Protein backbone atom coordinates (compact mmCIF):
# COMPACT_ATOMS: atom_id res chain seq x y z
CA MET A 1 -85.20 -1.97 -91.70
CA ALA A 2 -86.24 -2.32 -95.34
CA LYS A 3 -83.46 -3.62 -97.61
CA ILE A 4 -82.40 -3.22 -101.23
CA GLY A 5 -81.77 -6.48 -103.10
CA ARG A 6 -78.29 -6.90 -104.50
CA PHE A 7 -75.63 -9.41 -105.52
CA SER A 8 -72.98 -10.30 -103.00
CA SER A 9 -70.27 -8.96 -105.32
CA ASP A 10 -69.69 -7.64 -108.82
CA GLU A 11 -68.23 -11.03 -109.79
CA ALA A 12 -71.41 -12.78 -108.58
CA ARG A 13 -73.51 -10.41 -110.65
CA GLU A 14 -71.40 -11.02 -113.75
CA ALA A 15 -71.65 -14.81 -113.25
CA TYR A 16 -75.40 -14.53 -112.89
CA LEU A 17 -75.76 -12.41 -116.07
CA ARG A 18 -73.83 -15.06 -118.03
CA SER A 19 -76.29 -17.67 -116.82
CA TYR A 20 -79.12 -15.30 -117.71
CA GLU A 21 -77.87 -15.01 -121.26
CA ALA A 22 -77.80 -18.77 -121.50
CA MET A 23 -81.44 -18.85 -120.26
CA GLU A 24 -82.43 -16.41 -123.01
CA GLY A 25 -81.70 -19.18 -125.50
CA LEU A 26 -84.61 -21.17 -124.10
CA TRP A 27 -87.24 -18.47 -124.86
CA PRO A 28 -89.19 -19.90 -127.84
CA LEU A 29 -90.78 -16.71 -129.17
CA PRO A 30 -89.58 -13.45 -130.77
CA ALA A 31 -89.29 -10.93 -127.91
CA GLU A 32 -88.77 -7.24 -127.24
CA THR A 33 -87.18 -6.12 -123.96
CA ALA A 34 -87.37 -2.85 -122.03
CA ASP A 35 -86.07 -1.51 -118.74
CA VAL A 36 -88.81 0.52 -117.10
CA THR A 37 -87.96 3.20 -114.51
CA THR A 38 -89.97 3.10 -111.27
CA SER A 39 -89.68 4.66 -107.82
CA PHE A 40 -87.95 1.43 -106.70
CA GLY A 41 -85.51 1.04 -109.58
CA THR A 42 -85.50 -0.24 -113.15
CA THR A 43 -87.70 -3.28 -114.02
CA HIS A 44 -86.67 -5.57 -116.87
CA VAL A 45 -89.59 -6.65 -119.07
CA ARG A 46 -89.67 -9.24 -121.86
CA ARG A 47 -92.67 -8.98 -124.21
CA SER A 48 -93.79 -11.65 -126.68
CA GLY A 49 -96.97 -12.42 -128.56
CA ALA A 50 -99.68 -10.23 -130.01
CA GLY A 51 -103.40 -10.06 -130.43
CA ASP A 52 -106.57 -8.38 -129.28
CA GLY A 53 -106.63 -10.00 -125.83
CA LEU A 54 -105.72 -7.92 -122.77
CA PRO A 55 -101.96 -8.29 -122.02
CA LEU A 56 -100.91 -10.86 -119.44
CA VAL A 57 -98.11 -10.03 -116.93
CA LEU A 58 -96.10 -12.92 -115.47
CA LEU A 59 -94.55 -12.77 -111.97
CA HIS A 60 -91.98 -15.46 -111.19
CA GLY A 61 -91.03 -17.34 -108.05
CA VAL A 62 -88.12 -16.87 -105.65
CA LEU A 63 -84.67 -17.04 -107.24
CA GLY A 64 -86.31 -17.05 -110.59
CA ASN A 65 -86.77 -14.39 -113.29
CA GLY A 66 -89.07 -13.80 -116.17
CA LEU A 67 -87.27 -16.30 -118.36
CA HIS A 68 -88.41 -19.15 -116.14
CA TRP A 69 -91.79 -19.02 -117.92
CA HIS A 70 -90.11 -20.17 -121.16
CA SER A 71 -91.79 -23.58 -121.24
CA VAL A 72 -95.35 -22.22 -121.21
CA VAL A 73 -95.12 -18.77 -122.78
CA GLU A 74 -96.23 -20.05 -126.22
CA GLY A 75 -99.47 -21.43 -124.83
CA LEU A 76 -100.18 -18.32 -122.72
CA ALA A 77 -99.54 -15.99 -125.67
CA GLN A 78 -102.64 -17.15 -127.53
CA GLY A 79 -104.13 -14.02 -129.00
CA ARG A 80 -102.55 -11.61 -126.51
CA PRO A 81 -99.23 -10.04 -125.58
CA VAL A 82 -97.38 -11.65 -122.59
CA LEU A 83 -94.99 -9.63 -120.50
CA ALA A 84 -92.53 -11.46 -118.24
CA LEU A 85 -91.13 -9.25 -115.50
CA ASP A 86 -87.90 -9.64 -113.47
CA THR A 87 -89.26 -8.62 -110.05
CA VAL A 88 -87.44 -5.78 -108.37
CA GLY A 89 -85.76 -7.05 -105.21
CA GLY A 90 -84.85 -10.41 -106.68
CA PRO A 91 -82.21 -11.71 -109.11
CA GLY A 92 -82.63 -10.81 -112.76
CA ARG A 93 -81.88 -7.82 -114.90
CA SER A 94 -83.97 -5.47 -112.81
CA VAL A 95 -82.01 -3.15 -110.52
CA GLN A 96 -83.44 -2.05 -107.21
CA THR A 97 -82.52 1.45 -105.93
CA ALA A 98 -85.08 1.98 -103.14
CA PRO A 99 -86.60 -0.47 -100.65
CA MET A 100 -90.13 -1.78 -100.71
CA ALA A 101 -90.92 -1.01 -97.08
CA ARG A 102 -94.68 -1.76 -97.21
CA GLU A 103 -96.73 -4.45 -98.88
CA ALA A 104 -98.64 -1.69 -100.68
CA ASP A 105 -95.39 -0.73 -102.41
CA PHE A 106 -95.83 -3.77 -104.67
CA GLY A 107 -99.02 -2.18 -106.00
CA THR A 108 -97.23 1.13 -106.57
CA TRP A 109 -94.30 -0.62 -108.31
CA PHE A 110 -96.66 -2.58 -110.56
CA ALA A 111 -98.72 0.49 -111.53
CA GLU A 112 -95.56 2.36 -112.42
CA VAL A 113 -94.36 -0.52 -114.57
CA LEU A 114 -97.67 -0.38 -116.46
CA ASP A 115 -97.40 3.33 -116.80
CA GLY A 116 -93.98 3.03 -118.25
CA LEU A 117 -95.23 0.42 -120.77
CA GLY A 118 -98.34 2.53 -121.68
CA LEU A 119 -100.73 -0.08 -120.38
CA GLU A 120 -103.86 0.69 -118.38
CA ARG A 121 -105.17 -2.74 -117.40
CA VAL A 122 -103.77 -6.26 -117.60
CA HIS A 123 -104.22 -9.81 -116.38
CA VAL A 124 -101.67 -11.05 -113.82
CA LEU A 125 -100.34 -14.54 -113.33
CA GLY A 126 -97.95 -15.38 -110.50
CA GLU A 127 -96.30 -18.59 -109.36
CA SER A 128 -95.15 -19.49 -105.84
CA ALA A 129 -93.59 -16.31 -104.38
CA GLY A 130 -94.79 -14.56 -107.57
CA ALA A 131 -98.33 -15.65 -106.56
CA TRP A 132 -97.92 -13.62 -103.34
CA HIS A 133 -96.71 -10.66 -105.37
CA ALA A 134 -99.73 -11.00 -107.74
CA THR A 135 -101.93 -11.10 -104.67
CA LEU A 136 -100.50 -7.84 -103.40
CA VAL A 137 -101.05 -6.34 -106.89
CA GLY A 138 -104.69 -7.46 -106.69
CA LEU A 139 -105.06 -5.89 -103.27
CA TYR A 140 -103.24 -2.59 -103.86
CA ALA A 141 -103.55 -1.94 -107.61
CA ALA A 142 -106.90 -3.54 -108.26
CA GLU A 143 -107.96 -0.81 -110.64
CA ARG A 144 -105.15 -1.86 -113.02
CA VAL A 145 -106.00 -5.58 -112.93
CA ALA A 146 -108.63 -7.43 -114.97
CA SER A 147 -107.91 -10.81 -113.29
CA VAL A 148 -105.40 -12.46 -111.04
CA SER A 149 -104.28 -16.15 -111.49
CA LEU A 150 -102.18 -17.86 -108.81
CA ILE A 151 -100.17 -21.02 -109.27
CA GLU A 152 -99.28 -22.75 -105.96
CA PRO A 153 -99.76 -19.64 -103.75
CA ASN A 154 -98.28 -21.39 -100.72
CA GLY A 155 -98.69 -19.40 -97.50
CA VAL A 156 -101.12 -16.92 -99.03
CA VAL A 157 -104.59 -18.46 -98.44
CA ALA A 158 -103.61 -21.27 -96.05
CA ARG A 159 -100.52 -21.49 -93.90
CA THR A 160 -97.49 -23.44 -95.14
CA PRO A 161 -97.09 -26.52 -92.91
CA TRP A 162 -94.45 -26.08 -90.17
CA ARG A 163 -92.64 -29.22 -91.20
CA ALA A 164 -92.28 -27.89 -94.70
CA LEU A 165 -90.91 -24.56 -93.45
CA LEU A 166 -88.34 -26.29 -91.30
CA ARG A 167 -87.25 -28.48 -94.19
CA LEU A 168 -86.94 -25.39 -96.47
CA VAL A 169 -84.71 -23.81 -93.89
CA ARG A 170 -82.54 -26.89 -93.79
CA PHE A 171 -82.33 -27.01 -97.57
CA GLY A 172 -81.50 -23.35 -97.64
CA GLY A 173 -78.36 -23.97 -95.62
CA ASP A 174 -77.07 -26.48 -98.22
CA ARG A 175 -75.85 -24.54 -101.27
CA THR A 176 -74.30 -27.55 -102.93
CA GLU A 177 -75.58 -28.91 -106.20
CA GLU A 178 -76.59 -32.10 -104.40
CA GLY A 179 -78.52 -30.10 -101.88
CA TRP A 180 -80.38 -28.15 -104.53
CA ARG A 181 -81.27 -31.27 -106.44
CA ALA A 182 -82.56 -32.87 -103.23
CA MET A 183 -84.76 -29.90 -102.58
CA SER A 184 -86.03 -29.89 -106.13
CA GLU A 185 -86.95 -33.55 -105.93
CA TRP A 186 -88.84 -32.92 -102.69
CA LEU A 187 -90.73 -29.98 -104.05
CA THR A 188 -91.31 -31.27 -107.57
CA PRO A 189 -90.78 -35.05 -107.55
CA GLY A 190 -90.12 -36.50 -111.01
CA LEU A 191 -89.08 -33.21 -112.51
CA THR A 192 -85.48 -32.35 -113.38
CA MET A 193 -84.23 -28.85 -114.27
CA THR A 194 -82.11 -28.49 -117.37
CA GLU A 195 -78.46 -27.70 -116.79
CA VAL A 196 -79.08 -24.15 -118.03
CA GLU A 197 -81.95 -23.60 -115.58
CA LEU A 198 -80.04 -25.17 -112.65
CA ALA A 199 -76.99 -22.98 -113.34
CA ASN A 200 -79.20 -19.89 -113.38
CA VAL A 201 -80.94 -20.73 -110.13
CA ARG A 202 -77.62 -21.61 -108.42
CA ALA A 203 -76.12 -18.33 -109.61
CA GLY A 204 -79.12 -16.58 -108.20
CA GLN A 205 -78.25 -17.85 -104.72
CA SER A 206 -75.56 -15.15 -104.60
CA PHE A 207 -78.36 -12.53 -104.59
CA ARG A 208 -79.36 -11.04 -101.28
CA LEU A 209 -83.14 -10.96 -101.52
CA ALA A 210 -85.13 -7.94 -100.40
CA VAL A 211 -88.66 -9.17 -101.09
CA ARG A 212 -91.01 -10.07 -98.30
CA TRP A 213 -92.20 -13.66 -97.85
CA ALA A 214 -95.86 -14.57 -98.23
CA ARG A 215 -98.21 -14.46 -95.23
CA PRO A 216 -101.77 -15.77 -94.97
CA LEU A 217 -104.32 -13.15 -95.90
CA LYS A 218 -106.63 -11.94 -93.14
CA ASP A 219 -110.31 -12.84 -93.56
CA ALA A 220 -111.18 -9.22 -94.40
CA GLU A 221 -108.42 -9.02 -97.00
CA LEU A 222 -109.48 -12.19 -98.81
CA ALA A 223 -113.19 -11.24 -98.65
CA SER A 224 -112.41 -7.81 -100.12
CA PHE A 225 -110.33 -9.10 -103.03
CA THR A 226 -112.06 -7.55 -106.03
CA PRO A 227 -110.34 -8.90 -109.20
CA PRO A 228 -111.61 -12.25 -110.55
CA LEU A 229 -109.42 -14.85 -108.99
CA LEU A 230 -108.16 -18.27 -110.17
CA ALA A 231 -106.00 -20.40 -107.84
CA ILE A 232 -104.25 -23.60 -109.04
CA TYR A 233 -102.74 -26.03 -106.54
CA GLY A 234 -100.88 -29.30 -106.84
CA GLY A 235 -102.88 -31.87 -104.93
CA ALA A 236 -99.65 -33.43 -103.54
CA SER A 237 -97.93 -30.16 -102.77
CA VAL A 238 -95.72 -30.32 -99.70
CA VAL A 239 -95.71 -26.57 -99.12
CA SER A 240 -99.45 -25.84 -99.68
CA ASP A 241 -102.60 -27.09 -98.02
CA PRO A 242 -105.01 -27.25 -101.00
CA PRO A 243 -108.05 -28.60 -99.04
CA ALA A 244 -107.74 -25.84 -96.43
CA ALA A 245 -107.21 -23.19 -99.02
CA GLN A 246 -110.22 -24.43 -101.06
CA ARG A 247 -112.46 -24.40 -97.97
CA ARG A 248 -111.39 -20.85 -96.99
CA ILE A 249 -111.86 -19.43 -100.47
CA ALA A 250 -115.30 -21.03 -100.73
CA VAL A 251 -116.43 -19.22 -97.57
CA LEU A 252 -114.74 -15.84 -97.98
CA LEU A 253 -114.53 -15.45 -101.78
CA PRO A 254 -117.14 -17.73 -103.26
CA GLY A 255 -116.87 -16.24 -106.73
CA ALA A 256 -113.22 -17.34 -107.07
CA GLU A 257 -112.24 -20.46 -108.98
CA VAL A 258 -109.96 -23.13 -107.42
CA VAL A 259 -108.29 -25.98 -109.33
CA VAL A 260 -106.50 -28.84 -107.62
CA VAL A 261 -104.44 -31.05 -109.86
CA PRO A 262 -104.22 -34.53 -108.37
CA GLY A 263 -100.77 -36.00 -107.89
CA ALA A 264 -98.93 -32.75 -108.77
CA GLY A 265 -96.64 -30.99 -106.36
CA HIS A 266 -95.41 -27.46 -105.97
CA GLY A 267 -94.19 -27.64 -109.54
CA VAL A 268 -97.66 -28.26 -110.92
CA ARG A 269 -97.03 -25.88 -113.84
CA ALA A 270 -94.14 -28.04 -115.04
CA GLN A 271 -95.79 -31.30 -114.11
CA ALA A 272 -99.10 -30.62 -115.88
CA PRO A 273 -98.30 -27.76 -118.30
CA ALA A 274 -101.11 -28.44 -120.79
CA ARG A 275 -103.75 -28.56 -118.13
CA VAL A 276 -102.51 -25.50 -116.26
CA VAL A 277 -102.13 -23.40 -119.47
CA ASP A 278 -105.48 -24.42 -120.80
CA ARG A 279 -107.21 -23.54 -117.50
CA VAL A 280 -105.46 -20.17 -117.31
CA VAL A 281 -106.15 -19.26 -120.92
CA ARG A 282 -109.82 -20.07 -120.61
CA PHE A 283 -110.02 -17.96 -117.47
CA LEU A 284 -108.34 -15.03 -119.18
CA VAL A 285 -110.68 -15.12 -122.14
CA ARG A 286 -113.74 -15.02 -119.84
CA HIS A 287 -112.40 -11.94 -118.21
CA ASP A 288 -110.95 -10.15 -121.14
CA GLU A 289 -111.85 -6.64 -122.09
CA VAL A 290 -110.82 -4.34 -124.91
CA PRO A 291 -107.40 -2.95 -123.96
CA ARG A 292 -107.58 0.77 -123.21
CA GLY A 293 -103.89 1.42 -123.48
CA GLY A 294 -100.80 0.07 -125.23
């Protein structure tokens, strides 16, 4: 039965919103916010930047929200608006009121968000679980998408290794700060969250998620993917299989671009921000078009 995402209690929601407000202080650019009504609830959107480039929509990972792009938004907003969404069904300021029962519902939700913002076509960038959501947008709302960029799309093109899945389950059962830091060190060795970021993610653990986990695309799905595609992997990622993904994309979607950053893990965006941002920006420019709305 499809579910609706929600906090475990009103107190948990209030605690999360306090941590969210603290996160807002990390956002480096002037921003406008809006709450867009869709068939699945309201979606919170943070918009920064300006320019003639087609807008870029950002989709965050699990337990994250749009504010988690704060460290790279300046680089991404080079000559274009950037819109960071709080995905419906996850923690954030969005409020889900109806379940997403089918994968295609992500395309419907995304199109309705664009309609509410007065936008016709955009670029999409997703990270981790957000990469899966961006993939669904590319499959089911392709007419609204000029390009799709994926950062560490684990489980989307190649299966997540079983050992990694088992370890994630074990980490998920440990909600202590020590457990979270251990998982973070395993996923993104050498990187440390700020206290503000850590507090926000830990507060998000009180949210009962209602978004589906990624699954490997079928051959026909990958081969039929029509938007221009860029996939960025960390070469040392413990939850992805970059060589397998690169081989499969080369066979089924030869026009797509794949970048593997040596030595980086699942947190490749934070480990190599300049390289990732530069690669994404150049990809966006190549696939820009004159905006036809908003």
